[in-house]
Amino acid sequence: MARVLLFGRLADQAGWRDRSVEAGDLSALRAALAAEDAGLGEALAAPGVQVAVDKVLVRGEASLAAGAEVAFLPPMSGG
């Protein structure tokens, strides 16, 4: 099981911030989340959304060890 963390507008859209999901890699994790909520799946795939696995930013595919923490980070803006 991976611990999935959502931040900002992603958490607002999903209605949750922290949950466990069974997945062996990022593709399977994204597919599982999209199967539950197609809108969230699209939001997670949007340009600018970053992914961190165990607090390290990753691009592309990554394997997930048991107990991995996966954070989806929306684009940041400021003023």
Protein backbone atom coordinates (compact mmCIF):
# COMPACT_ATOMS: atom_id res chain seq x y z
CA MET A 1 0.00 0.00 0.00
CA ALA A 2 1.17 3.49 -0.84
CA ARG A 3 0.22 6.50 1.24
CA VAL A 4 -1.13 9.14 -1.15
CA LEU A 5 -1.05 12.81 -0.17
CA LEU A 6 -2.87 15.53 -2.10
CA PHE A 7 -2.27 19.24 -1.62
CA GLY A 8 -4.03 22.48 -2.53
CA ARG A 9 -6.69 22.36 -5.22
CA LEU A 10 -6.05 18.64 -5.81
CA ALA A 11 -7.15 17.85 -2.24
CA ASP A 12 -10.09 20.23 -2.55
CA GLN A 13 -11.23 18.53 -5.76
CA ALA A 14 -10.85 15.00 -4.37
CA GLY A 15 -12.41 15.77 -1.00
CA TRP A 16 -9.55 14.07 0.83
CA ARG A 17 -5.89 14.77 1.60
CA ASP A 18 -4.45 11.45 2.75
CA ARG A 19 -5.35 7.85 1.96
CA SER A 20 -3.81 4.46 1.25
CA VAL A 21 -3.95 2.91 -2.22
CA GLU A 22 -2.67 -0.48 -3.41
CA ALA A 23 -0.25 0.05 -6.32
CA GLY A 24 3.18 -1.18 -7.36
CA ASP A 25 4.14 1.82 -9.48
CA LEU A 26 3.01 5.34 -10.35
CA SER A 27 1.09 4.25 -13.46
CA ALA A 28 -0.97 1.77 -11.46
CA LEU A 29 -1.52 4.36 -8.73
CA ARG A 30 -2.73 7.00 -11.20
CA ALA A 31 -5.00 4.41 -12.87
CA ALA A 32 -6.51 3.38 -9.52
CA LEU A 33 -7.20 7.00 -8.56
CA ALA A 34 -8.67 7.79 -12.01
CA ALA A 35 -10.91 4.70 -11.84
CA GLU A 36 -12.45 6.08 -8.64
CA ASP A 37 -12.65 9.70 -9.84
CA ALA A 38 -12.07 10.52 -13.53
CA GLY A 39 -11.86 14.25 -12.81
CA LEU A 40 -9.13 13.69 -10.26
CA GLY A 41 -7.29 11.46 -12.72
CA GLU A 42 -7.30 14.29 -15.26
CA ALA A 43 -6.19 16.81 -12.64
CA LEU A 44 -3.26 14.63 -11.57
CA ALA A 45 -2.11 14.34 -15.20
CA ALA A 46 -2.33 18.10 -15.84
CA PRO A 47 0.80 20.04 -16.80
CA GLY A 48 2.60 21.47 -13.80
CA VAL A 49 1.49 18.83 -11.30
CA GLN A 50 4.60 17.42 -9.64
CA VAL A 51 4.97 14.06 -7.92
CA ALA A 52 7.23 13.24 -5.00
CA VAL A 53 7.91 9.67 -3.89
CA ASP A 54 9.25 9.45 -0.36
CA LYS A 55 9.93 13.22 -0.45
CA VAL A 56 11.97 13.09 -3.70
CA LEU A 57 10.55 14.70 -6.84
CA VAL A 58 10.25 12.22 -9.70
CA ARG A 59 9.45 12.56 -13.38
CA GLY A 60 7.97 9.76 -15.42
CA GLU A 61 7.55 6.29 -13.96
CA ALA A 62 8.66 5.08 -10.54
CA SER A 63 8.27 1.84 -8.61
CA LEU A 64 6.57 2.06 -5.24
CA ALA A 65 7.89 0.08 -2.31
CA ALA A 66 5.47 -1.07 0.37
CA GLY A 67 4.63 1.92 2.54
CA ALA A 68 5.86 4.48 0.00
CA GLU A 69 4.60 8.03 0.41
CA VAL A 70 3.42 9.62 -2.85
CA ALA A 71 2.61 13.33 -2.84
CA PHE A 72 0.86 15.10 -5.73
CA LEU A 73 1.73 18.80 -5.75
CA PRO A 74 -0.29 21.29 -7.80
CA PRO A 75 1.43 24.17 -9.58
CA MET A 76 2.37 26.91 -7.14
CA SER A 77 1.59 30.56 -7.60
CA GLY A 78 2.20 33.57 -5.50
CA GLY A 79 2.03 37.26 -5.39
